[in-house]
Amino acid sequence: MGAPVAVFGYCRAAELGRTLGALSACRGFAGHPVHLFLDGARGRSDSPGVARVRELAGRLDWPNLTVHMAEHNRGLRQSVLEGVSELVAAHGSAIVIEDDLLLAPAALEYFSAGLDKFADEERVKAVCGYQYKLQPPAAGNGAFFLPFASSWGWATWRRAWDPFVERLPGLINLAFDRAFLRRFDRQGIIAASTMLKGQQQGLIDSWAIL
């Protein structure tokens, strides 16, 4: 079997349905165990959406599917941290998809090839699927290296994930380090430091900024 695929959903049934449809159309889909992690409702306003998502999950008849339904709301950050940690501990690697993504038919092949090729390369921490709007490298190269990751479709190994999770308590303190924040924002190209400060202040619930 290929690397497990973790799909995270909450209360957006339409978006999740499109994501799952695109995932099931990927080449090699049947060879990957799929784990659907569904968070619980925060309150009454979210309950109908959560119920629709769980109804959608109940209609899936994929033989390679395992559904994980949280009894209480954990939030996206904790859901991703716990779900990915569970899969990499059991399988050594994982492919991670959230409920607002559309995958190309070659997506699973791409992630699998990256996981195989760089499994023992300590400098590579993740295989990312999103293409930033920048000038690509020379023609003929389908992938290239960046000094940061993307949360829009990615894959990783236990050797990279476990140290990341262990460092989380200290990472949030970097929101006060001006020199770090300048590097984190790529000298002003992106506004990552704003999200990091928001996470530190409890204004957002993001795993990706960490």
N, C-alpha and C. Protein backbone atom coordinates (compact mmCIF):
# COMPACT_ATOMS: atom_id res chain seq x y z
N MET A 1 0.84 -1.20 0.00
CA MET A 1 0.00 0.00 0.00
C MET A 1 0.88 1.25 0.00
N GLY A 2 0.33 2.32 -0.60
CA GLY A 2 1.03 3.59 -0.61
C GLY A 2 0.89 4.31 0.71
N ALA A 3 1.46 5.50 0.79
CA ALA A 3 1.38 6.31 1.99
C ALA A 3 -0.08 6.64 2.31
N PRO A 4 -0.45 6.67 3.58
CA PRO A 4 -1.84 7.01 3.93
C PRO A 4 -2.14 8.47 3.58
N VAL A 5 -3.38 8.71 3.22
CA VAL A 5 -3.84 10.07 2.90
C VAL A 5 -4.74 10.54 4.03
N ALA A 6 -4.39 11.64 4.66
CA ALA A 6 -5.21 12.24 5.71
C ALA A 6 -6.02 13.38 5.09
N VAL A 7 -7.34 13.29 5.22
CA VAL A 7 -8.22 14.36 4.74
C VAL A 7 -8.92 14.96 5.96
N PHE A 8 -8.86 16.29 6.09
CA PHE A 8 -9.44 16.95 7.25
C PHE A 8 -10.66 17.75 6.84
N GLY A 9 -11.78 17.49 7.52
CA GLY A 9 -13.02 18.17 7.22
C GLY A 9 -13.67 18.68 8.48
N TYR A 10 -14.64 19.59 8.29
CA TYR A 10 -15.31 20.15 9.47
C TYR A 10 -16.80 20.34 9.19
N CYS A 11 -17.15 21.45 8.54
CA CYS A 11 -18.58 21.74 8.36
C CYS A 11 -18.92 22.19 6.95
N ARG A 12 -18.04 21.95 5.99
CA ARG A 12 -18.27 22.39 4.61
C ARG A 12 -18.47 21.17 3.71
N ALA A 13 -19.69 20.69 3.64
CA ALA A 13 -19.97 19.46 2.90
C ALA A 13 -19.72 19.61 1.41
N ALA A 14 -20.10 20.75 0.83
CA ALA A 14 -19.92 20.93 -0.61
C ALA A 14 -18.44 20.92 -0.98
N GLU A 15 -17.64 21.66 -0.22
CA GLU A 15 -16.21 21.72 -0.50
C GLU A 15 -15.56 20.36 -0.29
N LEU A 16 -15.93 19.70 0.81
CA LEU A 16 -15.36 18.38 1.08
C LEU A 16 -15.74 17.38 0.01
N GLY A 17 -16.97 17.45 -0.48
CA GLY A 17 -17.40 16.55 -1.54
C GLY A 17 -16.58 16.72 -2.80
N ARG A 18 -16.27 17.96 -3.16
CA ARG A 18 -15.44 18.21 -4.34
C ARG A 18 -14.02 17.69 -4.13
N THR A 19 -13.49 17.92 -2.93
CA THR A 19 -12.14 17.43 -2.63
C THR A 19 -12.07 15.92 -2.71
N LEU A 20 -13.04 15.25 -2.11
CA LEU A 20 -13.05 13.78 -2.12
C LEU A 20 -13.25 13.24 -3.53
N GLY A 21 -14.06 13.92 -4.32
CA GLY A 21 -14.25 13.49 -5.70
C GLY A 21 -12.97 13.57 -6.49
N ALA A 22 -12.22 14.68 -6.31
CA ALA A 22 -10.95 14.83 -7.01
C ALA A 22 -9.94 13.81 -6.52
N LEU A 23 -9.94 13.56 -5.21
CA LEU A 23 -9.00 12.58 -4.65
C LEU A 23 -9.27 11.19 -5.22
N SER A 24 -10.52 10.80 -5.27
CA SER A 24 -10.85 9.46 -5.76
C SER A 24 -10.55 9.28 -7.24
N ALA A 25 -10.41 10.41 -7.97
CA ALA A 25 -10.08 10.34 -9.40
C ALA A 25 -8.58 10.32 -9.65
N CYS A 26 -7.78 10.43 -8.60
CA CYS A 26 -6.33 10.41 -8.76
C CYS A 26 -5.86 9.02 -9.17
N ARG A 27 -4.87 8.99 -10.02
CA ARG A 27 -4.27 7.71 -10.40
C ARG A 27 -3.62 7.06 -9.18
N GLY A 28 -3.87 5.78 -9.00
CA GLY A 28 -3.31 5.05 -7.88
C GLY A 28 -4.09 5.20 -6.58
N PHE A 29 -5.27 5.83 -6.64
CA PHE A 29 -6.06 6.09 -5.44
C PHE A 29 -6.31 4.83 -4.62
N ALA A 30 -6.68 3.74 -5.28
CA ALA A 30 -7.05 2.51 -4.57
C ALA A 30 -5.89 1.93 -3.77
N GLY A 31 -4.67 2.31 -4.09
CA GLY A 31 -3.50 1.78 -3.40
C GLY A 31 -3.10 2.54 -2.16
N HIS A 32 -3.89 3.56 -1.78
CA HIS A 32 -3.58 4.37 -0.60
C HIS A 32 -4.69 4.25 0.43
N PRO A 33 -4.38 3.93 1.68
CA PRO A 33 -5.40 4.02 2.72
C PRO A 33 -5.77 5.49 2.94
N VAL A 34 -7.05 5.76 3.05
CA VAL A 34 -7.54 7.14 3.23
C VAL A 34 -8.15 7.26 4.62
N HIS A 35 -7.71 8.26 5.37
CA HIS A 35 -8.23 8.52 6.70
C HIS A 35 -8.91 9.89 6.70
N LEU A 36 -10.22 9.89 6.93
CA LEU A 36 -11.01 11.11 6.92
C LEU A 36 -11.22 11.55 8.37
N PHE A 37 -10.63 12.68 8.75
CA PHE A 37 -10.72 13.20 10.10
C PHE A 37 -11.76 14.33 10.13
N LEU A 38 -12.84 14.13 10.88
CA LEU A 38 -13.93 15.09 10.95
C LEU A 38 -14.02 15.67 12.35
N ASP A 39 -13.92 16.99 12.44
CA ASP A 39 -13.96 17.65 13.74
C ASP A 39 -15.39 17.79 14.24
N GLY A 40 -15.54 17.96 15.55
CA GLY A 40 -16.85 18.18 16.14
C GLY A 40 -17.27 19.63 16.07
N ALA A 41 -18.53 19.90 16.33
CA ALA A 41 -19.09 21.25 16.22
C ALA A 41 -18.62 22.13 17.38
N ARG A 42 -18.38 23.42 17.06
CA ARG A 42 -18.05 24.39 18.11
C ARG A 42 -19.28 24.80 18.89
N GLY A 43 -20.43 24.85 18.21
CA GLY A 43 -21.66 25.29 18.85
C GLY A 43 -22.84 25.04 17.95
N ARG A 44 -23.98 25.61 18.31
CA ARG A 44 -25.21 25.38 17.55
C ARG A 44 -25.10 25.84 16.11
N SER A 45 -24.44 26.95 15.87
CA SER A 45 -24.39 27.48 14.51
C SER A 45 -23.64 26.56 13.55
N ASP A 46 -22.69 25.79 14.05
CA ASP A 46 -21.90 24.89 13.21
C ASP A 46 -22.50 23.49 13.11
N SER A 47 -23.42 23.17 14.00
CA SER A 47 -23.94 21.80 14.06
C SER A 47 -24.57 21.31 12.77
N PRO A 48 -25.39 22.11 12.07
CA PRO A 48 -25.98 21.61 10.81
C PRO A 48 -24.92 21.26 9.77
N GLY A 49 -23.89 22.12 9.65
CA GLY A 49 -22.84 21.84 8.68
C GLY A 49 -22.05 20.60 9.04
N VAL A 50 -21.76 20.43 10.32
CA VAL A 50 -21.05 19.23 10.76
C VAL A 50 -21.88 17.98 10.48
N ALA A 51 -23.19 18.08 10.71
CA ALA A 51 -24.07 16.93 10.45
C ALA A 51 -24.08 16.57 8.97
N ARG A 52 -24.08 17.58 8.09
CA ARG A 52 -24.08 17.30 6.64
C ARG A 52 -22.77 16.64 6.22
N VAL A 53 -21.67 17.08 6.80
CA VAL A 53 -20.38 16.48 6.48
C VAL A 53 -20.35 15.01 6.92
N ARG A 54 -20.89 14.73 8.08
CA ARG A 54 -20.89 13.34 8.57
C ARG A 54 -21.85 12.46 7.77
N GLU A 55 -22.92 13.07 7.30
CA GLU A 55 -23.82 12.32 6.41
C GLU A 55 -23.11 11.97 5.11
N LEU A 56 -22.36 12.93 4.57
CA LEU A 56 -21.58 12.68 3.35
C LEU A 56 -20.59 11.54 3.58
N ALA A 57 -19.89 11.57 4.71
CA ALA A 57 -18.92 10.52 5.01
C ALA A 57 -19.59 9.16 5.11
N GLY A 58 -20.81 9.13 5.66
CA GLY A 58 -21.52 7.87 5.81
C GLY A 58 -21.94 7.25 4.49
N ARG A 59 -22.00 8.06 3.44
CA ARG A 59 -22.40 7.53 2.12
C ARG A 59 -21.22 6.98 1.33
N LEU A 60 -20.01 7.22 1.78
CA LEU A 60 -18.84 6.75 1.06
C LEU A 60 -18.68 5.24 1.26
N ASP A 61 -18.44 4.54 0.18
CA ASP A 61 -18.27 3.09 0.26
C ASP A 61 -16.87 2.65 -0.18
N TRP A 62 -15.89 3.52 0.01
CA TRP A 62 -14.53 3.19 -0.39
C TRP A 62 -13.97 2.09 0.52
N PRO A 63 -13.45 1.01 -0.03
CA PRO A 63 -12.88 -0.05 0.82
C PRO A 63 -11.60 0.38 1.52
N ASN A 64 -10.95 1.44 1.04
CA ASN A 64 -9.69 1.89 1.64
C ASN A 64 -9.90 3.06 2.61
N LEU A 65 -11.16 3.30 3.04
CA LEU A 65 -11.49 4.47 3.86
C LEU A 65 -11.68 4.12 5.33
N THR A 66 -11.09 4.95 6.20
CA THR A 66 -11.36 4.93 7.63
C THR A 66 -11.79 6.33 8.05
N VAL A 67 -12.92 6.43 8.74
CA VAL A 67 -13.44 7.73 9.16
C VAL A 67 -13.22 7.90 10.66
N HIS A 68 -12.66 9.05 11.04
CA HIS A 68 -12.43 9.39 12.44
C HIS A 68 -13.31 10.59 12.78
N MET A 69 -14.28 10.42 13.66
CA MET A 69 -15.20 11.50 14.04
C MET A 69 -14.92 11.94 15.46
N ALA A 70 -14.52 13.19 15.62
CA ALA A 70 -14.25 13.73 16.95
C ALA A 70 -15.56 14.00 17.68
N GLU A 71 -15.61 13.65 18.95
CA GLU A 71 -16.82 13.90 19.73
C GLU A 71 -16.97 15.38 20.07
N HIS A 72 -15.86 16.07 20.23
CA HIS A 72 -15.87 17.49 20.59
C HIS A 72 -15.02 18.27 19.59
N ASN A 73 -15.18 19.57 19.56
CA ASN A 73 -14.41 20.41 18.65
C ASN A 73 -12.96 20.54 19.14
N ARG A 74 -12.04 20.19 18.27
CA ARG A 74 -10.63 20.30 18.60
C ARG A 74 -9.97 21.48 17.91
N GLY A 75 -10.60 21.98 16.85
CA GLY A 75 -9.98 23.04 16.07
C GLY A 75 -9.04 22.46 15.04
N LEU A 76 -8.81 23.23 13.97
CA LEU A 76 -7.99 22.73 12.87
C LEU A 76 -6.57 22.41 13.32
N ARG A 77 -5.98 23.29 14.13
CA ARG A 77 -4.60 23.07 14.55
C ARG A 77 -4.44 21.73 15.25
N GLN A 78 -5.25 21.48 16.25
CA GLN A 78 -5.10 20.24 17.01
C GLN A 78 -5.50 19.03 16.18
N SER A 79 -6.51 19.18 15.33
CA SER A 79 -6.93 18.07 14.48
C SER A 79 -5.79 17.61 13.57
N VAL A 80 -5.13 18.57 12.94
CA VAL A 80 -4.03 18.24 12.04
C VAL A 80 -2.86 17.65 12.80
N LEU A 81 -2.49 18.29 13.91
CA LEU A 81 -1.35 17.79 14.69
C LEU A 81 -1.58 16.35 15.14
N GLU A 82 -2.77 16.07 15.66
CA GLU A 82 -3.04 14.73 16.16
C GLU A 82 -3.20 13.72 15.02
N GLY A 83 -3.90 14.10 13.96
CA GLY A 83 -4.14 13.17 12.86
C GLY A 83 -2.86 12.80 12.14
N VAL A 84 -2.04 13.79 11.81
CA VAL A 84 -0.79 13.50 11.11
C VAL A 84 0.15 12.71 12.01
N SER A 85 0.21 13.07 13.28
CA SER A 85 1.08 12.34 14.21
C SER A 85 0.68 10.87 14.29
N GLU A 86 -0.62 10.61 14.30
CA GLU A 86 -1.10 9.23 14.36
C GLU A 86 -0.67 8.43 13.13
N LEU A 87 -0.80 9.05 11.95
CA LEU A 87 -0.50 8.33 10.72
C LEU A 87 0.99 8.12 10.51
N VAL A 88 1.81 9.14 10.79
CA VAL A 88 3.25 8.95 10.57
C VAL A 88 3.82 7.98 11.60
N ALA A 89 3.23 7.92 12.79
CA ALA A 89 3.69 6.96 13.79
C ALA A 89 3.41 5.53 13.32
N ALA A 90 2.28 5.34 12.65
CA ALA A 90 1.89 4.00 12.21
C ALA A 90 2.50 3.61 10.88
N HIS A 91 2.71 4.59 9.98
CA HIS A 91 3.11 4.27 8.61
C HIS A 91 4.44 4.88 8.18
N GLY A 92 4.97 5.82 8.95
CA GLY A 92 6.25 6.43 8.59
C GLY A 92 6.14 7.67 7.73
N SER A 93 4.99 7.89 7.09
CA SER A 93 4.79 9.06 6.25
C SER A 93 3.30 9.28 6.08
N ALA A 94 2.93 10.43 5.52
CA ALA A 94 1.53 10.73 5.28
C ALA A 94 1.39 11.81 4.23
N ILE A 95 0.29 11.76 3.50
CA ILE A 95 -0.10 12.80 2.54
C ILE A 95 -1.29 13.52 3.17
N VAL A 96 -1.26 14.85 3.18
CA VAL A 96 -2.24 15.63 3.93
C VAL A 96 -3.03 16.54 3.01
N ILE A 97 -4.36 16.43 3.08
CA ILE A 97 -5.27 17.19 2.23
C ILE A 97 -6.34 17.82 3.11
N GLU A 98 -6.60 19.11 2.93
CA GLU A 98 -7.71 19.76 3.64
C GLU A 98 -8.90 19.90 2.69
N ASP A 99 -10.03 20.30 3.25
CA ASP A 99 -11.31 20.16 2.53
C ASP A 99 -11.61 21.25 1.52
N ASP A 100 -10.62 22.08 1.17
CA ASP A 100 -10.87 23.11 0.16
C ASP A 100 -9.91 22.99 -1.01
N LEU A 101 -9.42 21.78 -1.25
CA LEU A 101 -8.44 21.56 -2.31
C LEU A 101 -9.01 20.72 -3.44
N LEU A 102 -8.56 20.99 -4.65
CA LEU A 102 -8.86 20.16 -5.81
C LEU A 102 -7.54 19.58 -6.31
N LEU A 103 -7.46 18.27 -6.37
CA LEU A 103 -6.22 17.62 -6.75
C LEU A 103 -6.21 17.29 -8.24
N ALA A 104 -5.04 17.42 -8.84
CA ALA A 104 -4.84 16.96 -10.21
C ALA A 104 -4.79 15.44 -10.21
N PRO A 105 -5.11 14.80 -11.33
CA PRO A 105 -5.07 13.33 -11.39
C PRO A 105 -3.72 12.73 -11.03
N ALA A 106 -2.65 13.49 -11.21
CA ALA A 106 -1.31 12.98 -10.91
C ALA A 106 -0.86 13.27 -9.48
N ALA A 107 -1.72 13.84 -8.65
CA ALA A 107 -1.29 14.31 -7.33
C ALA A 107 -0.70 13.22 -6.47
N LEU A 108 -1.37 12.08 -6.36
CA LEU A 108 -0.85 11.02 -5.50
C LEU A 108 0.45 10.43 -6.04
N GLU A 109 0.57 10.36 -7.34
CA GLU A 109 1.84 9.90 -7.94
C GLU A 109 2.96 10.88 -7.59
N TYR A 110 2.66 12.16 -7.67
CA TYR A 110 3.66 13.20 -7.37
C TYR A 110 4.11 13.11 -5.91
N PHE A 111 3.15 13.06 -4.98
CA PHE A 111 3.50 12.98 -3.57
C PHE A 111 4.28 11.69 -3.27
N SER A 112 3.83 10.59 -3.85
CA SER A 112 4.50 9.31 -3.60
C SER A 112 5.93 9.32 -4.12
N ALA A 113 6.13 9.89 -5.30
CA ALA A 113 7.48 9.96 -5.86
C ALA A 113 8.39 10.80 -4.98
N GLY A 114 7.87 11.92 -4.48
CA GLY A 114 8.67 12.76 -3.59
C GLY A 114 8.98 12.08 -2.28
N LEU A 115 8.00 11.40 -1.71
CA LEU A 115 8.23 10.69 -0.46
C LEU A 115 9.30 9.61 -0.62
N ASP A 116 9.27 8.91 -1.75
CA ASP A 116 10.27 7.86 -1.99
C ASP A 116 11.65 8.46 -2.23
N LYS A 117 11.71 9.49 -3.06
CA LYS A 117 13.01 10.04 -3.48
C LYS A 117 13.76 10.69 -2.32
N PHE A 118 13.05 11.38 -1.45
CA PHE A 118 13.72 12.16 -0.41
C PHE A 118 13.50 11.59 0.99
N ALA A 119 13.16 10.32 1.06
CA ALA A 119 12.87 9.71 2.36
C ALA A 119 14.00 9.86 3.36
N ASP A 120 15.24 9.80 2.88
CA ASP A 120 16.40 9.83 3.78
C ASP A 120 17.18 11.13 3.67
N GLU A 121 16.62 12.14 3.02
CA GLU A 121 17.30 13.43 2.86
C GLU A 121 16.83 14.38 3.97
N GLU A 122 17.67 14.55 4.97
CA GLU A 122 17.29 15.32 6.15
C GLU A 122 16.94 16.77 5.84
N ARG A 123 17.50 17.33 4.77
CA ARG A 123 17.23 18.73 4.46
C ARG A 123 15.84 18.94 3.90
N VAL A 124 15.20 17.88 3.41
CA VAL A 124 13.86 18.00 2.84
C VAL A 124 12.85 17.62 3.91
N LYS A 125 11.98 18.56 4.24
CA LYS A 125 11.03 18.34 5.33
C LYS A 125 9.63 18.00 4.84
N ALA A 126 9.30 18.36 3.61
CA ALA A 126 7.95 18.10 3.11
C ALA A 126 7.96 18.14 1.58
N VAL A 127 6.95 17.50 1.01
CA VAL A 127 6.69 17.57 -0.43
C VAL A 127 5.39 18.36 -0.58
N CYS A 128 5.46 19.50 -1.23
CA CYS A 128 4.30 20.40 -1.30
C CYS A 128 3.70 20.41 -2.70
N GLY A 129 2.38 20.49 -2.76
CA GLY A 129 1.70 20.43 -4.04
C GLY A 129 1.34 21.77 -4.63
N TYR A 130 1.32 22.82 -3.82
CA TYR A 130 0.89 24.14 -4.32
C TYR A 130 2.03 24.84 -5.04
N GLN A 131 1.73 25.45 -6.17
CA GLN A 131 2.72 26.20 -6.94
C GLN A 131 2.52 27.69 -6.68
N TYR A 132 3.50 28.29 -6.02
CA TYR A 132 3.44 29.74 -5.79
C TYR A 132 3.56 30.48 -7.12
N LYS A 133 3.03 31.68 -7.15
CA LYS A 133 3.06 32.48 -8.38
C LYS A 133 4.43 33.14 -8.51
N LEU A 134 5.36 32.36 -8.99
CA LEU A 134 6.70 32.86 -9.21
C LEU A 134 7.27 32.24 -10.47
N GLN A 135 8.36 32.80 -10.91
CA GLN A 135 8.99 32.31 -12.14
C GLN A 135 9.52 30.90 -11.90
N PRO A 136 9.04 29.90 -12.67
CA PRO A 136 9.52 28.53 -12.46
C PRO A 136 10.97 28.37 -12.90
N PRO A 137 11.62 27.31 -12.48
CA PRO A 137 13.00 27.05 -12.92
C PRO A 137 13.04 26.65 -14.38
N ALA A 138 14.19 26.25 -14.82
CA ALA A 138 14.38 25.91 -16.24
C ALA A 138 13.38 24.85 -16.69
N ALA A 139 12.98 24.95 -17.96
CA ALA A 139 12.01 24.02 -18.52
C ALA A 139 12.50 22.59 -18.33
N GLY A 140 11.57 21.71 -18.02
CA GLY A 140 11.91 20.31 -17.86
C GLY A 140 11.95 19.87 -16.41
N ASN A 141 12.04 20.82 -15.48
CA ASN A 141 12.02 20.48 -14.06
C ASN A 141 10.61 20.62 -13.53
N GLY A 142 10.03 19.51 -13.08
CA GLY A 142 8.66 19.55 -12.60
C GLY A 142 8.52 19.98 -11.16
N ALA A 143 9.61 19.99 -10.41
CA ALA A 143 9.56 20.39 -9.01
C ALA A 143 10.87 21.06 -8.65
N PHE A 144 10.85 21.88 -7.60
CA PHE A 144 12.05 22.58 -7.18
C PHE A 144 11.98 22.82 -5.68
N PHE A 145 13.06 23.32 -5.10
CA PHE A 145 13.15 23.49 -3.65
C PHE A 145 12.85 24.92 -3.25
N LEU A 146 12.19 25.07 -2.09
CA LEU A 146 11.93 26.37 -1.49
C LEU A 146 12.30 26.29 0.00
N PRO A 147 12.66 27.42 0.61
CA PRO A 147 13.04 27.40 2.02
C PRO A 147 11.85 27.51 2.97
N PHE A 148 10.66 27.24 2.49
CA PHE A 148 9.46 27.22 3.33
C PHE A 148 8.45 26.29 2.70
N ALA A 149 7.42 25.95 3.45
CA ALA A 149 6.45 24.96 3.00
C ALA A 149 5.12 25.62 2.67
N SER A 150 4.16 24.81 2.24
CA SER A 150 2.81 25.25 1.98
C SER A 150 1.84 24.24 2.58
N SER A 151 0.73 24.74 3.12
CA SER A 151 -0.25 23.84 3.73
C SER A 151 -1.30 23.37 2.72
N TRP A 152 -1.20 23.80 1.47
CA TRP A 152 -2.22 23.45 0.47
C TRP A 152 -1.84 22.17 -0.28
N GLY A 153 -1.93 21.05 0.43
CA GLY A 153 -1.59 19.77 -0.15
C GLY A 153 -0.11 19.48 0.04
N TRP A 154 0.20 18.52 0.91
CA TRP A 154 1.61 18.27 1.23
C TRP A 154 1.76 16.85 1.77
N ALA A 155 3.00 16.45 1.90
CA ALA A 155 3.32 15.13 2.44
C ALA A 155 4.60 15.23 3.25
N THR A 156 4.74 14.37 4.25
CA THR A 156 5.94 14.42 5.07
C THR A 156 6.23 13.05 5.66
N TRP A 157 7.37 12.97 6.36
CA TRP A 157 7.84 11.75 6.97
C TRP A 157 7.87 11.91 8.49
N ARG A 158 7.87 10.80 9.19
CA ARG A 158 7.95 10.87 10.65
C ARG A 158 9.24 11.54 11.10
N ARG A 159 10.34 11.29 10.38
CA ARG A 159 11.62 11.86 10.78
C ARG A 159 11.59 13.39 10.76
N ALA A 160 10.74 14.00 9.92
CA ALA A 160 10.63 15.46 9.87
C ALA A 160 9.51 15.97 10.77
N TRP A 161 8.43 15.20 10.88
CA TRP A 161 7.25 15.65 11.62
C TRP A 161 7.45 15.63 13.13
N ASP A 162 8.00 14.56 13.66
CA ASP A 162 8.14 14.43 15.11
C ASP A 162 8.98 15.56 15.72
N PRO A 163 10.13 15.91 15.14
CA PRO A 163 10.90 17.03 15.71
C PRO A 163 10.14 18.36 15.62
N PHE A 164 9.36 18.54 14.55
CA PHE A 164 8.54 19.76 14.42
C PHE A 164 7.55 19.87 15.56
N VAL A 165 6.83 18.78 15.84
CA VAL A 165 5.83 18.80 16.92
C VAL A 165 6.50 19.04 18.27
N GLU A 166 7.67 18.45 18.47
CA GLU A 166 8.38 18.61 19.74
C GLU A 166 8.81 20.06 19.96
N ARG A 167 9.08 20.78 18.87
CA ARG A 167 9.55 22.17 18.99
C ARG A 167 8.42 23.18 19.12
N LEU A 168 7.17 22.75 18.96
CA LEU A 168 6.06 23.70 18.93
C LEU A 168 5.99 24.63 20.13
N PRO A 169 6.17 24.16 21.37
CA PRO A 169 6.06 25.09 22.50
C PRO A 169 7.02 26.27 22.41
N GLY A 170 8.20 26.08 21.85
CA GLY A 170 9.15 27.18 21.74
C GLY A 170 8.95 28.05 20.52
N LEU A 171 8.33 27.51 19.48
CA LEU A 171 8.19 28.28 18.24
C LEU A 171 7.36 29.54 18.42
N ILE A 172 6.33 29.47 19.26
CA ILE A 172 5.44 30.61 19.41
C ILE A 172 6.17 31.81 19.99
N ASN A 173 7.24 31.60 20.73
CA ASN A 173 7.99 32.72 21.30
C ASN A 173 8.71 33.53 20.23
N LEU A 174 8.89 32.95 19.05
CA LEU A 174 9.56 33.67 17.98
C LEU A 174 8.73 34.85 17.48
N ALA A 175 7.46 34.93 17.89
CA ALA A 175 6.62 36.07 17.49
C ALA A 175 7.17 37.38 18.05
N PHE A 176 8.11 37.31 19.00
CA PHE A 176 8.68 38.51 19.61
C PHE A 176 10.11 38.78 19.16
N ASP A 177 10.63 37.95 18.26
CA ASP A 177 12.01 38.07 17.81
C ASP A 177 12.03 38.84 16.48
N ARG A 178 12.43 40.10 16.52
CA ARG A 178 12.34 40.95 15.32
C ARG A 178 13.22 40.45 14.18
N ALA A 179 14.41 40.02 14.50
CA ALA A 179 15.30 39.52 13.44
C ALA A 179 14.71 38.30 12.77
N PHE A 180 14.13 37.39 13.58
CA PHE A 180 13.49 36.21 13.01
C PHE A 180 12.31 36.61 12.13
N LEU A 181 11.49 37.56 12.60
CA LEU A 181 10.29 37.94 11.86
C LEU A 181 10.64 38.54 10.49
N ARG A 182 11.76 39.27 10.40
CA ARG A 182 12.17 39.79 9.09
C ARG A 182 12.49 38.65 8.13
N ARG A 183 13.17 37.63 8.64
CA ARG A 183 13.47 36.47 7.79
C ARG A 183 12.21 35.69 7.48
N PHE A 184 11.34 35.58 8.46
CA PHE A 184 10.09 34.83 8.30
C PHE A 184 9.21 35.45 7.22
N ASP A 185 9.22 36.77 7.12
CA ASP A 185 8.43 37.49 6.11
C ASP A 185 9.17 37.60 4.77
N ARG A 186 10.32 36.94 4.67
CA ARG A 186 11.13 37.03 3.44
C ARG A 186 11.37 38.49 3.08
N GLN A 187 11.83 39.26 4.06
CA GLN A 187 12.12 40.68 3.89
C GLN A 187 10.91 41.45 3.33
N GLY A 188 9.73 41.11 3.81
CA GLY A 188 8.54 41.86 3.46
C GLY A 188 7.75 41.30 2.29
N ILE A 189 8.18 40.19 1.71
CA ILE A 189 7.47 39.63 0.55
C ILE A 189 6.13 39.04 0.97
N ILE A 190 6.09 38.39 2.14
CA ILE A 190 4.86 37.80 2.65
C ILE A 190 4.60 38.33 4.05
N ALA A 191 3.38 38.16 4.54
CA ALA A 191 2.99 38.69 5.85
C ALA A 191 2.83 37.56 6.87
N ALA A 192 3.75 36.62 6.87
CA ALA A 192 3.63 35.47 7.76
C ALA A 192 3.68 35.88 9.23
N SER A 193 4.44 36.93 9.54
CA SER A 193 4.58 37.32 10.94
C SER A 193 3.26 37.76 11.54
N THR A 194 2.38 38.33 10.73
CA THR A 194 1.06 38.74 11.22
C THR A 194 0.27 37.54 11.70
N MET A 195 0.32 36.45 10.93
CA MET A 195 -0.36 35.22 11.34
C MET A 195 0.28 34.62 12.58
N LEU A 196 1.60 34.65 12.65
CA LEU A 196 2.29 34.09 13.81
C LEU A 196 1.90 34.83 15.08
N LYS A 197 1.84 36.16 15.00
CA LYS A 197 1.43 36.95 16.15
C LYS A 197 -0.02 36.67 16.51
N GLY A 198 -0.88 36.51 15.50
CA GLY A 198 -2.27 36.19 15.75
C GLY A 198 -2.43 34.86 16.46
N GLN A 199 -1.59 33.88 16.06
CA GLN A 199 -1.61 32.58 16.72
C GLN A 199 -1.17 32.73 18.18
N GLN A 200 -0.12 33.49 18.41
CA GLN A 200 0.40 33.67 19.75
C GLN A 200 -0.63 34.35 20.66
N GLN A 201 -1.42 35.26 20.08
CA GLN A 201 -2.41 36.01 20.84
C GLN A 201 -3.76 35.29 20.95
N GLY A 202 -3.88 34.11 20.33
CA GLY A 202 -5.11 33.36 20.40
C GLY A 202 -6.20 33.87 19.47
N LEU A 203 -5.84 34.69 18.47
CA LEU A 203 -6.82 35.26 17.55
C LEU A 203 -7.14 34.32 16.39
N ILE A 204 -6.23 33.41 16.07
CA ILE A 204 -6.45 32.41 15.03
C ILE A 204 -6.06 31.05 15.57
N ASP A 205 -6.47 30.01 14.88
CA ASP A 205 -6.16 28.63 15.28
C ASP A 205 -5.56 27.93 14.09
N SER A 206 -4.26 28.14 13.89
CA SER A 206 -3.58 27.61 12.70
C SER A 206 -2.40 26.74 13.10
N TRP A 207 -2.29 25.58 12.48
CA TRP A 207 -1.09 24.78 12.63
C TRP A 207 -0.07 25.20 11.58
N ALA A 208 -0.56 25.67 10.43
CA ALA A 208 0.31 25.88 9.27
C ALA A 208 1.32 26.99 9.53
N ILE A 209 0.93 28.04 10.25
CA ILE A 209 1.88 29.13 10.46
C ILE A 209 3.03 28.69 11.35
N LEU A 210 2.78 27.68 12.19
CA LEU A 210 3.87 27.15 13.02
C LEU A 210 4.79 26.24 12.21
